[in-house]
PDB file of N, CA and C in Angstrom:
ATOM      1  N   MET A   1      22.195  20.711 -27.744  1.00  0.00           N
ATOM      2  CA  MET A   1      22.465  19.358 -27.436  1.00  0.00           C
ATOM      3  C   MET A   1      23.274  19.551 -25.821  1.00  0.00           C
ATOM      4  N   ASP A   2      23.733  20.481 -25.062  1.00  0.00           N
ATOM      5  CA  ASP A   2      24.139  20.669 -23.986  1.00  0.00           C
ATOM      6  C   ASP A   2      23.208  20.032 -22.802  1.00  0.00           C
ATOM      7  N   TYR A   3      21.804  21.018 -23.484  1.00  0.00           N
ATOM      8  CA  TYR A   3      20.615  21.393 -21.962  1.00  0.00           C
ATOM      9  C   TYR A   3      20.194  19.612 -22.133  1.00  0.00           C
ATOM     10  N   ILE A   4      20.393  19.169 -23.716  1.00  0.00           N
ATOM     11  CA  ILE A   4      19.347  17.721 -23.325  1.00  0.00           C
ATOM     12  C   ILE A   4      19.776  16.963 -22.399  1.00  0.00           C
ATOM     13  N   ASN A   5      21.428  17.240 -21.994  1.00  0.00           N
ATOM     14  CA  ASN A   5      22.345  16.113 -21.686  1.00  0.00           C
ATOM     15  C   ASN A   5      22.115  16.727 -20.014  1.00  0.00           C
ATOM     16  N   TYR A   6      22.096  18.157 -20.054  1.00  0.00           N
ATOM     17  CA  TYR A   6      21.285  18.257 -18.315  1.00  0.00           C
ATOM     18  C   TYR A   6      19.943  17.832 -18.246  1.00  0.00           C
ATOM     19  N   ALA A   7      19.453  17.953 -19.160  1.00  0.00           N
ATOM     20  CA  ALA A   7      18.250  17.461 -18.348  1.00  0.00           C
ATOM     21  C   ALA A   7      17.711  16.058 -18.157  1.00  0.00           C
ATOM     22  N   ILE A   8      18.741  15.491 -18.677  1.00  0.00           N
ATOM     23  CA  ILE A   8      18.937  13.887 -18.740  1.00  0.00           C
ATOM     24  C   ILE A   8      19.581  13.410 -17.723  1.00  0.00           C
ATOM     25  N   PHE A   9      20.235  13.688 -17.229  1.00  0.00           N
ATOM     26  CA  PHE A   9      21.245  13.606 -15.800  1.00  0.00           C
ATOM     27  C   PHE A   9      20.011  14.321 -14.964  1.00  0.00           C
ATOM     28  N   ALA A  10      19.655  15.133 -14.975  1.00  0.00           N
ATOM     29  CA  ALA A  10      18.710  15.995 -13.923  1.00  0.00           C
ATOM     30  C   ALA A  10      17.450  15.252 -13.614  1.00  0.00           C
ATOM     31  N   LEU A  11      17.080  14.062 -14.650  1.00  0.00           N
ATOM     32  CA  LEU A  11      15.878  12.821 -14.886  1.00  0.00           C
ATOM     33  C   LEU A  11      16.428  12.001 -13.815  1.00  0.00           C
ATOM     34  N   LEU A  12      17.616  11.442 -14.149  1.00  0.00           N
ATOM     35  CA  LEU A  12      18.260  10.310 -13.853  1.00  0.00           C
ATOM     36  C   LEU A  12      18.145  10.523 -12.158  1.00  0.00           C
ATOM     37  N   LEU A  13      18.717  11.899 -12.072  1.00  0.00           N
ATOM     38  CA  LEU A  13      19.022  11.772 -10.545  1.00  0.00           C
ATOM     39  C   LEU A  13      17.684  11.749  -9.712  1.00  0.00           C
ATOM     40  N   LEU A  14      16.775  12.597 -10.363  1.00  0.00           N
ATOM     41  CA  LEU A  14      15.729  13.039  -9.199  1.00  0.00           C
ATOM     42  C   LEU A  14      14.863  11.060  -9.022  1.00  0.00           C
ATOM     43  N   PHE A  15      15.359  10.384 -10.193  1.00  0.00           N
ATOM     44  CA  PHE A  15      14.667   9.201 -10.071  1.00  0.00           C
ATOM     45  C   PHE A  15      15.712   8.567  -9.066  1.00  0.00           C
ATOM     46  N   MET A  16      16.823   8.286  -8.926  1.00  0.00           N
ATOM     47  CA  MET A  16      17.618   8.096  -7.995  1.00  0.00           C
ATOM     48  C   MET A  16      17.260   8.275  -6.682  1.00  0.00           C
ATOM     49  N   MET A  17      17.156   9.640  -6.414  1.00  0.00           N
ATOM     50  CA  MET A  17      16.532   9.883  -5.313  1.00  0.00           C
ATOM     51  C   MET A  17      15.465   9.577  -4.629  1.00  0.00           C
ATOM     52  N   LYS A  18      14.501   9.580  -5.774  1.00  0.00           N
ATOM     53  CA  LYS A  18      12.723   8.899  -5.173  1.00  0.00           C
ATOM     54  C   LYS A  18      12.865   7.658  -5.338  1.00  0.00           C
ATOM     55  N   ARG A  19      13.585   7.160  -5.941  1.00  0.00           N
ATOM     56  CA  ARG A  19      14.003   5.406  -5.640  1.00  0.00           C
ATOM     57  C   ARG A  19      15.156   5.149  -4.094  1.00  0.00           C
ATOM     58  N   PHE A  20      15.764   5.541  -3.906  1.00  0.00           N
ATOM     59  CA  PHE A  20      16.689   5.211  -2.625  1.00  0.00           C
ATOM     60  C   PHE A  20      16.294   6.589  -1.212  1.00  0.00           C
ATOM     61  N   VAL A  21      15.902   7.128  -1.048  1.00  0.00           N
ATOM     62  CA  VAL A  21      15.998   8.189  -0.031  1.00  0.00           C
ATOM     63  C   VAL A  21      14.541   7.583   0.285  1.00  0.00           C
ATOM     64  N   PRO A  22      14.573   7.192   1.847  1.00  0.00           N
ATOM     65  CA  PRO A  22      13.277   7.182   2.596  1.00  0.00           C
ATOM     66  C   PRO A  22      12.318   8.132   2.819  1.00  0.00           C
ATOM     67  N   VAL A  23      10.495   7.200   2.848  1.00  0.00           N
ATOM     68  CA  VAL A  23       9.954   7.604   2.018  1.00  0.00           C
ATOM     69  C   VAL A  23       9.424   8.766   3.695  1.00  0.00           C
ATOM     70  N   LYS A  24       8.910   9.644   3.745  1.00  0.00           N
ATOM     71  CA  LYS A  24       8.469  10.304   5.191  1.00  0.00           C
ATOM     72  C   LYS A  24       7.550   9.472   5.747  1.00  0.00           C
ATOM     73  N   GLY A  25       7.457   9.270   7.093  1.00  0.00           N
ATOM     74  CA  GLY A  25       6.724   8.470   7.980  1.00  0.00           C
ATOM     75  C   GLY A  25       6.449   6.539   7.333  1.00  0.00           C
ATOM     76  N   ILE A  26       7.931   6.351   7.314  1.00  0.00           N
ATOM     77  CA  ILE A  26       8.304   4.865   7.442  1.00  0.00           C
ATOM     78  C   ILE A  26       9.122   5.028   7.643  1.00  0.00           C
ATOM     79  N   ARG A  27       9.485   4.401   9.459  1.00  0.00           N
ATOM     80  CA  ARG A  27      10.652   3.994  10.174  1.00  0.00           C
ATOM     81  C   ARG A  27      11.921   2.638   9.600  1.00  0.00           C
ATOM     82  N   ASN A  28      13.137   3.213   9.589  1.00  0.00           N
ATOM     83  CA  ASN A  28      13.416   1.638   9.200  1.00  0.00           C
ATOM     84  C   ASN A  28      14.536   1.789  10.218  1.00  0.00           C
ATOM     85  N   ILE A  29      14.654   0.145  11.093  1.00  0.00           N
ATOM     86  CA  ILE A  29      14.997  -0.602  11.964  1.00  0.00           C
ATOM     87  C   ILE A  29      16.201  -0.928  11.466  1.00  0.00           C
ATOM     88  N   SER A  30      16.536  -2.085  11.827  1.00  0.00           N
ATOM     89  CA  SER A  30      17.652  -2.639  11.973  1.00  0.00           C
ATOM     90  C   SER A  30      17.286  -4.233  12.367  1.00  0.00           C
ATOM     91  N   THR A  31      17.608  -5.834  12.355  1.00  0.00           N
ATOM     92  CA  THR A  31      16.851  -6.453  12.598  1.00  0.00           C
ATOM     93  C   THR A  31      17.740  -7.237  13.799  1.00  0.00           C
ATOM     94  N   ALA A  32      18.513  -6.234  14.624  1.00  0.00           N
ATOM     95  CA  ALA A  32      18.650  -5.816  16.190  1.00  0.00           C
ATOM     96  C   ALA A  32      17.667  -4.917  16.504  1.00  0.00           C
ATOM     97  N   GLU A  33      17.175  -4.433  16.460  1.00  0.00           N
ATOM     98  CA  GLU A  33      16.386  -3.482  16.668  1.00  0.00           C
ATOM     99  C   GLU A  33      14.928  -3.755  16.311  1.00  0.00           C
ATOM    100  N   LEU A  34      14.843  -5.448  15.625  1.00  0.00           N
ATOM    101  CA  LEU A  34      13.392  -5.834  15.446  1.00  0.00           C
ATOM    102  C   LEU A  34      13.060  -6.985  16.754  1.00  0.00           C
ATOM    103  N   LYS A  35      13.900  -7.731  17.008  1.00  0.00           N
ATOM    104  CA  LYS A  35      14.255  -8.192  18.410  1.00  0.00           C
ATOM    105  C   LYS A  35      13.255  -7.473  19.496  1.00  0.00           C
ATOM    106  N   ASN A  36      13.923  -6.587  19.898  1.00  0.00           N
ATOM    107  CA  ASN A  36      13.453  -5.618  21.161  1.00  0.00           C
ATOM    108  C   ASN A  36      11.643  -5.627  20.374  1.00  0.00           C
ATOM    109  N   GLU A  37      11.220  -5.693  19.426  1.00  0.00           N
ATOM    110  CA  GLU A  37       9.992  -5.444  19.411  1.00  0.00           C
ATOM    111  C   GLU A  37       9.202  -6.914  19.264  1.00  0.00           C
ATOM    112  N   LEU A  38       9.595  -7.569  18.788  1.00  0.00           N
ATOM    113  CA  LEU A  38       9.239  -9.196  18.400  1.00  0.00           C
ATOM    114  C   LEU A  38       8.094  -9.743  19.527  1.00  0.00           C
ATOM    115  N   ASN A  39       8.037  -9.075  20.600  1.00  0.00           N
ATOM    116  CA  ASN A  39       7.154  -9.581  21.793  1.00  0.00           C
ATOM    117  C   ASN A  39       5.855  -8.438  22.123  1.00  0.00           C
ATOM    118  N   ASP A  40       5.795  -7.483  21.303  1.00  0.00           N
ATOM    119  CA  ASP A  40       4.840  -6.287  21.804  1.00  0.00           C
ATOM    120  C   ASP A  40       3.244  -7.099  20.888  1.00  0.00           C
ATOM    121  N   LYS A  41       2.453  -7.148  21.650  1.00  0.00           N
ATOM    122  CA  LYS A  41       1.526  -8.256  20.396  1.00  0.00           C
ATOM    123  C   LYS A  41       0.080  -6.545  20.212  1.00  0.00           C
ATOM    124  N   LYS A  42       0.275  -5.726  20.830  1.00  0.00           N
ATOM    125  CA  LYS A  42       0.185  -4.549  20.138  1.00  0.00           C
ATOM    126  C   LYS A  42       0.519  -4.371  18.667  1.00  0.00           C
ATOM    127  N   LYS A  43       1.696  -5.004  18.308  1.00  0.00           N
ATOM    128  CA  LYS A  43       1.992  -4.444  16.439  1.00  0.00           C
ATOM    129  C   LYS A  43       1.681  -5.177  15.764  1.00  0.00           C
ATOM    130  N   GLN A  44       1.786  -5.399  14.484  1.00  0.00           N
ATOM    131  CA  GLN A  44       1.797  -6.517  13.354  1.00  0.00           C
ATOM    132  C   GLN A  44       2.807  -6.819  12.768  1.00  0.00           C
ATOM    133  N   PHE A  45       3.422  -8.049  12.321  1.00  0.00           N
ATOM    134  CA  PHE A  45       4.866  -8.650  11.430  1.00  0.00           C
ATOM    135  C   PHE A  45       4.081  -9.050  10.354  1.00  0.00           C
ATOM    136  N   ILE A  46       4.435  -8.853   9.259  1.00  0.00           N
ATOM    137  CA  ILE A  46       4.237  -9.043   7.807  1.00  0.00           C
ATOM    138  C   ILE A  46       5.490  -9.261   7.393  1.00  0.00           C
ATOM    139  N   ASP A  47       5.309 -10.290   6.578  1.00  0.00           N
ATOM    140  CA  ASP A  47       6.622 -10.677   5.652  1.00  0.00           C
ATOM    141  C   ASP A  47       6.028 -11.377   4.495  1.00  0.00           C
ATOM    142  N   VAL A  48       6.583  -9.899   3.328  1.00  0.00           N
ATOM    143  CA  VAL A  48       6.180 -10.202   1.516  1.00  0.00           C
ATOM    144  C   VAL A  48       6.927 -10.564   0.731  1.00  0.00           C
ATOM    145  N   ARG A  49       7.639 -11.643   1.372  1.00  0.00           N
ATOM    146  CA  ARG A  49       7.915 -12.580   0.244  1.00  0.00           C
ATOM    147  C   ARG A  49       7.032 -13.601   0.041  1.00  0.00           C
ATOM    148  N   THR A  50       7.260 -14.547  -1.363  1.00  0.00           N
ATOM    149  CA  THR A  50       6.510 -15.280  -1.760  1.00  0.00           C
ATOM    150  C   THR A  50       6.078 -16.554  -0.688  1.00  0.00           C
ATOM    151  N   PRO A  51       5.036 -17.146  -0.818  1.00  0.00           N
ATOM    152  CA  PRO A  51       4.669 -17.553  -0.012  1.00  0.00           C
ATOM    153  C   PRO A  51       5.991 -19.530   0.107  1.00  0.00           C
ATOM    154  N   GLY A  52       6.594 -19.769  -0.980  1.00  0.00           N
ATOM    155  CA  GLY A  52       7.608 -20.788  -1.169  1.00  0.00           C
ATOM    156  C   GLY A  52       8.966 -20.013  -0.055  1.00  0.00           C
ATOM    157  N   GLU A  53       9.056 -18.786  -0.060  1.00  0.00           N
ATOM    158  CA  GLU A  53      10.163 -18.187   0.878  1.00  0.00           C
ATOM    159  C   GLU A  53       9.988 -18.436   2.216  1.00  0.00           C
ATOM    160  N   PHE A  54       8.743 -17.540   2.308  1.00  0.00           N
ATOM    161  CA  PHE A  54       8.165 -18.061   3.759  1.00  0.00           C
ATOM    162  C   PHE A  54       8.123 -19.257   3.939  1.00  0.00           C
ATOM    163  N   LYS A  55       7.507 -20.490   3.496  1.00  0.00           N
ATOM    164  CA  LYS A  55       8.128 -21.872   3.740  1.00  0.00           C
ATOM    165  C   LYS A  55       8.938 -22.112   4.564  1.00  0.00           C
ATOM    166  N   SER A  56      10.067 -21.806   3.268  1.00  0.00           N
ATOM    167  CA  SER A  56      11.563 -22.591   3.515  1.00  0.00           C
ATOM    168  C   SER A  56      11.730 -21.964   4.662  1.00  0.00           C
ATOM    169  N   ASN A  57      11.865 -20.637   5.345  1.00  0.00           N
ATOM    170  CA  ASN A  57      12.784 -19.928   6.634  1.00  0.00           C
ATOM    171  C   ASN A  57      11.737 -18.499   6.430  1.00  0.00           C
ATOM    172  N   HIS A  58      10.769 -18.407   8.079  1.00  0.00           N
ATOM    173  CA  HIS A  58      10.673 -17.025   8.258  1.00  0.00           C
ATOM    174  C   HIS A  58      10.816 -17.013  10.239  1.00  0.00           C
ATOM    175  N   ILE A  59      10.802 -15.931  10.267  1.00  0.00           N
ATOM    176  CA  ILE A  59      11.023 -15.385  11.859  1.00  0.00           C
ATOM    177  C   ILE A  59       9.176 -15.346  12.179  1.00  0.00           C
ATOM    178  N   SER A  60       9.383 -16.424  13.296  1.00  0.00           N
ATOM    179  CA  SER A  60       8.517 -16.508  13.953  1.00  0.00           C
ATOM    180  C   SER A  60       7.813 -15.189  14.373  1.00  0.00           C
ATOM    181  N   GLY A  61       5.901 -15.001  14.495  1.00  0.00           N
ATOM    182  CA  GLY A  61       5.923 -14.112  14.458  1.00  0.00           C
ATOM    183  C   GLY A  61       5.289 -13.267  13.716  1.00  0.00           C
ATOM    184  N   PHE A  62       5.899 -13.538  12.408  1.00  0.00           N
ATOM    185  CA  PHE A  62       5.085 -12.704  11.178  1.00  0.00           C
ATOM    186  C   PHE A  62       4.463 -13.558  10.528  1.00  0.00           C
ATOM    187  N   LYS A  63       3.728 -12.855   9.483  1.00  0.00           N
ATOM    188  CA  LYS A  63       2.541 -13.087   8.665  1.00  0.00           C
ATOM    189  C   LYS A  63       2.861 -13.463   7.460  1.00  0.00           C
ATOM    190  N   ASN A  64       2.831 -14.243   6.202  1.00  0.00           N
ATOM    191  CA  ASN A  64       3.106 -14.302   5.293  1.00  0.00           C
ATOM    192  C   ASN A  64       2.212 -13.434   4.899  1.00  0.00           C
ATOM    193  N   VAL A  65       2.107 -12.380   4.227  1.00  0.00           N
ATOM    194  CA  VAL A  65       1.078 -11.770   2.925  1.00  0.00           C
ATOM    195  C   VAL A  65       2.201 -10.583   1.781  1.00  0.00           C
ATOM    196  N   PRO A  66       2.408 -11.859   0.513  1.00  0.00           N
ATOM    197  CA  PRO A  66       3.051 -12.036  -0.094  1.00  0.00           C
ATOM    198  C   PRO A  66       2.918 -10.136  -0.804  1.00  0.00           C
ATOM    199  N   LEU A  67       4.052  -9.211  -2.064  1.00  0.00           N
ATOM    200  CA  LEU A  67       4.171  -7.716  -1.907  1.00  0.00           C
ATOM    201  C   LEU A  67       2.794  -7.988  -2.938  1.00  0.00           C
ATOM    202  N   HIS A  68       2.627  -9.139  -3.994  1.00  0.00           N
ATOM    203  CA  HIS A  68       1.621  -8.491  -5.148  1.00  0.00           C
ATOM    204  C   HIS A  68      -0.110  -9.042  -4.519  1.00  0.00           C
ATOM    205  N   GLN A  69       0.012  -9.482  -3.280  1.00  0.00           N
ATOM    206  CA  GLN A  69      -1.692  -9.137  -2.791  1.00  0.00           C
ATOM    207  C   GLN A  69      -1.649  -8.600  -1.484  1.00  0.00           C
ATOM    208  N   LEU A  70      -0.859  -7.422  -1.245  1.00  0.00           N
ATOM    209  CA  LEU A  70      -0.636  -6.537  -0.460  1.00  0.00           C
ATOM    210  C   LEU A  70      -1.400  -5.617  -0.287  1.00  0.00           C
ATOM    211  N   THR A  71      -2.292  -5.412  -1.409  1.00  0.00           N
ATOM    212  CA  THR A  71      -3.527  -4.162  -1.442  1.00  0.00           C
ATOM    213  C   THR A  71      -4.439  -4.627  -1.107  1.00  0.00           C
ATOM    214  N   GLN A  72      -5.005  -6.523  -1.809  1.00  0.00           N
ATOM    215  CA  GLN A  72      -5.806  -6.878  -1.488  1.00  0.00           C
ATOM    216  C   GLN A  72      -6.477  -6.989   0.319  1.00  0.00           C
ATOM    217  N   LYS A  73      -5.311  -7.359   0.464  1.00  0.00           N
ATOM    218  CA  LYS A  73      -5.022  -8.582   2.219  1.00  0.00           C
ATOM    219  C   LYS A  73      -4.738  -7.421   3.123  1.00  0.00           C
ATOM    220  N   SER A  74      -4.409  -6.161   2.477  1.00  0.00           N
ATOM    221  CA  SER A  74      -4.083  -5.021   4.012  1.00  0.00           C
ATOM    222  C   SER A  74      -5.199  -5.320   4.281  1.00  0.00           C
ATOM    223  N   LYS A  75      -6.690  -5.399   4.734  1.00  0.00           N
ATOM    224  CA  LYS A  75      -8.073  -5.354   4.820  1.00  0.00           C
ATOM    225  C   LYS A  75      -7.829  -6.105   6.115  1.00  0.00           C
ATOM    226  N   GLU A  76      -6.957  -6.817   6.351  1.00  0.00           N
ATOM    227  CA  GLU A  76      -6.557  -7.885   7.341  1.00  0.00           C
ATOM    228  C   GLU A  76      -5.758  -7.024   8.416  1.00  0.00           C
ATOM    229  N   LEU A  77      -5.477  -6.022   8.339  1.00  0.00           N
ATOM    230  CA  LEU A  77      -4.286  -5.262   8.841  1.00  0.00           C
ATOM    231  C   LEU A  77      -5.468  -4.489   9.775  1.00  0.00           C
ATOM    232  N   ALA A  78      -4.632  -3.918  10.775  1.00  0.00           N
ATOM    233  CA  ALA A  78      -5.401  -3.026  11.896  1.00  0.00           C
ATOM    234  C   ALA A  78      -4.465  -1.528  11.103  1.00  0.00           C
ATOM    235  N   LYS A  79      -5.055  -0.625  10.400  1.00  0.00           N
ATOM    236  CA  LYS A  79      -4.522   0.640  10.321  1.00  0.00           C
ATOM    237  C   LYS A  79      -3.780   1.375  11.836  1.00  0.00           C
ATOM    238  N   ASP A  80      -4.506   1.186  12.564  1.00  0.00           N
ATOM    239  CA  ASP A  80      -4.169   1.203  13.605  1.00  0.00           C
ATOM    240  C   ASP A  80      -3.367   0.795  14.715  1.00  0.00           C
ATOM    241  N   LYS A  81      -3.230   0.020  14.650  1.00  0.00           N
ATOM    242  CA  LYS A  81      -1.265  -0.863  14.526  1.00  0.00           C
ATOM    243  C   LYS A  81      -0.402  -0.401  13.757  1.00  0.00           C
ATOM    244  N   GLU A  82       0.882  -0.255  14.654  1.00  0.00           N
ATOM    245  CA  GLU A  82       1.883  -0.512  13.615  1.00  0.00           C
ATOM    246  C   GLU A  82       2.207  -1.181  12.980  1.00  0.00           C
ATOM    247  N   VAL A  83       2.687  -1.443  11.655  1.00  0.00           N
ATOM    248  CA  VAL A  83       3.074  -2.634  10.790  1.00  0.00           C
ATOM    249  C   VAL A  83       4.759  -2.319  10.590  1.00  0.00           C
ATOM    250  N   PHE A  84       5.005  -3.620  11.135  1.00  0.00           N
ATOM    251  CA  PHE A  84       6.612  -4.169  10.737  1.00  0.00           C
ATOM    252  C   PHE A  84       6.408  -5.024   9.616  1.00  0.00           C
ATOM    253  N   VAL A  85       6.878  -4.797   8.259  1.00  0.00           N
ATOM    254  CA  VAL A  85       7.818  -4.876   7.106  1.00  0.00           C
ATOM    255  C   VAL A  85       8.978  -5.599   6.769  1.00  0.00           C
ATOM    256  N   ILE A  86       9.039  -7.010   6.358  1.00  0.00           N
ATOM    257  CA  ILE A  86      10.254  -7.778   5.742  1.00  0.00           C
ATOM    258  C   ILE A  86       9.995  -8.094   4.604  1.00  0.00           C
ATOM    259  N   CYS A  87      11.618  -9.227   4.165  1.00  0.00           N
ATOM    260  CA  CYS A  87      11.489  -9.485   2.718  1.00  0.00           C
ATOM    261  C   CYS A  87      12.577 -10.105   3.242  1.00  0.00           C
ATOM    262  N   GLN A  88      13.244 -10.608   1.826  1.00  0.00           N
ATOM    263  CA  GLN A  88      15.033 -11.380   2.043  1.00  0.00           C
ATOM    264  C   GLN A  88      15.975  -9.857   2.057  1.00  0.00           C
ATOM    265  N   SER A  89      16.227  -9.276   1.624  1.00  0.00           N
ATOM    266  CA  SER A  89      16.591  -8.278   1.734  1.00  0.00           C
ATOM    267  C   SER A  89      16.500  -6.795   1.611  1.00  0.00           C
ATOM    268  N   GLY A  90      15.110  -6.372   1.963  1.00  0.00           N
ATOM    269  CA  GLY A  90      14.954  -5.152   2.395  1.00  0.00           C
ATOM    270  C   GLY A  90      14.679  -4.060   0.856  1.00  0.00           C
ATOM    271  N   MET A  91      14.757  -4.673  -0.323  1.00  0.00           N
ATOM    272  CA  MET A  91      14.263  -4.300  -0.947  1.00  0.00           C
ATOM    273  C   MET A  91      12.010  -4.288  -1.482  1.00  0.00           C
ATOM    274  N   ARG A  92      11.572  -4.994  -0.958  1.00  0.00           N
ATOM    275  CA  ARG A  92      10.013  -5.671  -1.377  1.00  0.00           C
ATOM    276  C   ARG A  92       9.308  -4.794  -0.478  1.00  0.00           C
ATOM    277  N   SER A  93       9.970  -5.071   0.833  1.00  0.00           N
ATOM    278  CA  SER A  93       9.536  -4.665   2.315  1.00  0.00           C
ATOM    279  C   SER A  93       9.510  -3.177   2.069  1.00  0.00           C
ATOM    280  N   GLN A  94      10.302  -2.650   1.941  1.00  0.00           N
ATOM    281  CA  GLN A  94      10.701  -0.862   1.231  1.00  0.00           C
ATOM    282  C   GLN A  94       9.273  -0.177   0.533  1.00  0.00           C
ATOM    283  N   LYS A  95       9.280  -1.571  -0.639  1.00  0.00           N
ATOM    284  CA  LYS A  95       7.873  -1.164  -1.845  1.00  0.00           C
ATOM    285  C   LYS A  95       6.902  -1.379  -0.876  1.00  0.00           C
ATOM    286  N   ALA A  96       6.501  -2.480   0.036  1.00  0.00           N
ATOM    287  CA  ALA A  96       5.542  -2.736   0.425  1.00  0.00           C
ATOM    288  C   ALA A  96       5.046  -1.724   1.512  1.00  0.00           C
ATOM    289  N   SER A  97       6.390  -0.646   2.223  1.00  0.00           N
ATOM    290  CA  SER A  97       5.771  -0.005   2.627  1.00  0.00           C
ATOM    291  C   SER A  97       5.868   1.175   2.000  1.00  0.00           C
ATOM    292  N   LYS A  98       6.732   1.705   1.292  1.00  0.00           N
ATOM    293  CA  LYS A  98       5.707   2.541   0.938  1.00  0.00           C
ATOM    294  C   LYS A  98       4.037   2.555   0.079  1.00  0.00           C
ATOM    295  N   GLU A  99       3.913   0.868  -0.077  1.00  0.00           N
ATOM    296  CA  GLU A  99       2.303   0.961  -0.354  1.00  0.00           C
ATOM    297  C   GLU A  99       1.267   1.018   0.470  1.00  0.00           C
ATOM    298  N   LEU A 100       1.764   1.078   1.578  1.00  0.00           N
ATOM    299  CA  LEU A 100       0.482   0.451   2.571  1.00  0.00           C
ATOM    300  C   LEU A 100       1.029   2.253   3.141  1.00  0.00           C
ATOM    301  N   LYS A 101       1.406   3.220   3.025  1.00  0.00           N
ATOM    302  CA  LYS A 101       1.760   4.074   3.379  1.00  0.00           C
ATOM    303  C   LYS A 101       0.070   5.268   2.418  1.00  0.00           C
ATOM    304  N   LYS A 102       0.393   4.306   1.085  1.00  0.00           N
ATOM    305  CA  LYS A 102      -0.379   4.602   0.069  1.00  0.00           C
ATOM    306  C   LYS A 102      -1.847   4.651   0.794  1.00  0.00           C
ATOM    307  N   LEU A 103      -2.149   3.527   1.468  1.00  0.00           N
ATOM    308  CA  LEU A 103      -3.410   2.661   1.538  1.00  0.00           C
ATOM    309  C   LEU A 103      -3.770   3.429   2.715  1.00  0.00           C
ATOM    310  N   GLY A 104      -3.250   4.130   3.513  1.00  0.00           N
ATOM    311  CA  GLY A 104      -3.991   5.195   4.810  1.00  0.00           C
ATOM    312  C   GLY A 104      -3.181   4.211   6.009  1.00  0.00           C
ATOM    313  N   PHE A 105      -2.037   3.749   6.522  1.00  0.00           N
ATOM    314  CA  PHE A 105      -1.506   3.288   7.277  1.00  0.00           C
ATOM    315  C   PHE A 105      -0.570   4.139   7.711  1.00  0.00           C
ATOM    316  N   THR A 106      -0.244   4.714   9.290  1.00  0.00           N
ATOM    317  CA  THR A 106       0.079   5.859   9.369  1.00  0.00           C
ATOM    318  C   THR A 106       1.710   5.410  10.556  1.00  0.00           C
ATOM    319  N   GLN A 107       1.709   3.917  11.052  1.00  0.00           N
ATOM    320  CA  GLN A 107       2.846   3.574  11.727  1.00  0.00           C
ATOM    321  C   GLN A 107       3.081   2.751  10.854  1.00  0.00           C
ATOM    322  N   ILE A 108       4.571   2.719  10.440  1.00  0.00           N
ATOM    323  CA  ILE A 108       4.951   1.962   9.014  1.00  0.00           C
ATOM    324  C   ILE A 108       6.744   1.594   9.295  1.00  0.00           C
ATOM    325  N   THR A 109       7.189   0.268   9.656  1.00  0.00           N
ATOM    326  CA  THR A 109       8.435   0.159  10.170  1.00  0.00           C
ATOM    327  C   THR A 109       8.644  -0.913   8.927  1.00  0.00           C
ATOM    328  N   ASN A 110       9.749  -0.516   8.503  1.00  0.00           N
ATOM    329  CA  ASN A 110      10.358  -1.218   7.281  1.00  0.00           C
ATOM    330  C   ASN A 110      12.221  -1.584   7.896  1.00  0.00           C
ATOM    331  N   VAL A 111      12.058  -3.082   8.334  1.00  0.00           N
ATOM    332  CA  VAL A 111      13.151  -4.005   8.542  1.00  0.00           C
ATOM    333  C   VAL A 111      14.728  -3.950   7.135  1.00  0.00           C
ATOM    334  N   LYS A 112      15.175  -3.454   7.580  1.00  0.00           N
ATOM    335  CA  LYS A 112      16.699  -3.029   6.730  1.00  0.00           C
ATOM    336  C   LYS A 112      17.362  -4.319   6.316  1.00  0.00           C
ATOM    337  N   GLY A 113      17.715  -5.121   5.834  1.00  0.00           N
ATOM    338  CA  GLY A 113      18.233  -5.865   5.171  1.00  0.00           C
ATOM    339  C   GLY A 113      17.632  -7.846   5.558  1.00  0.00           C
ATOM    340  N   GLY A 114      16.076  -7.782   5.641  1.00  0.00           N
ATOM    341  CA  GLY A 114      15.236  -8.322   6.090  1.00  0.00           C
ATOM    342  C   GLY A 114      16.308  -9.622   6.337  1.00  0.00           C
ATOM    343  N   VAL A 115      15.212 -11.166   5.805  1.00  0.00           N
ATOM    344  CA  VAL A 115      15.571 -12.391   6.409  1.00  0.00           C
ATOM    345  C   VAL A 115      17.171 -12.544   6.872  1.00  0.00           C
ATOM    346  N   SER A 116      17.872 -11.949   5.216  1.00  0.00           N
ATOM    347  CA  SER A 116      19.636 -12.198   5.050  1.00  0.00           C
ATOM    348  C   SER A 116      20.009 -11.768   6.570  1.00  0.00           C
ATOM    349  N   ALA A 117      19.595 -10.633   6.735  1.00  0.00           N
ATOM    350  CA  ALA A 117      20.376  -9.977   7.875  1.00  0.00           C
ATOM    351  C   ALA A 117      19.992 -10.598   9.458  1.00  0.00           C
ATOM    352  N   TRP A 118      18.661 -11.102   9.079  1.00  0.00           N
ATOM    353  CA  TRP A 118      18.081 -11.749  11.000  1.00  0.00           C
ATOM    354  C   TRP A 118      19.199 -12.816  10.812  1.00  0.00           C
ATOM    355  N   ARG A 119      19.493 -13.910   9.554  1.00  0.00           N
ATOM    356  CA  ARG A 119      20.537 -15.116   9.640  1.00  0.00           C
ATOM    357  C   ARG A 119      21.768 -14.613  10.026  1.00  0.00           C
ATOM    358  N   ALA A 120      22.465 -13.595   9.486  1.00  0.00           N
ATOM    359  CA  ALA A 120      23.308 -13.789   9.806  1.00  0.00           C
ATOM    360  C   ALA A 120      24.125 -12.663  11.155  1.00  0.00           C
TER     361      ALA A 120
END
């Protein structure tokens, strides 16, 4: 019975590590650091929130690509340019960053804290 408890604990620990540990190849920056990047025309900026969230409040220069449409709309993004990803709090953008990595993007930057941190 103890072995089962250890196995469950190990699986839970593995799940937590996989969920919260940053993915190799994805850079994480703060919203303060983002301010220095926004004027660079060589970079792409996407907001993965819903169209309603984006319409109510967004950062100038960001394009709305909802998370659920990311795979289809990724064809509109250049793989040779760095992609900055933001959402409301950082969870969806982290998921989107991982998806972009799987799709073959190599220069991906996730904005920690999202639009909430930007407004703060």
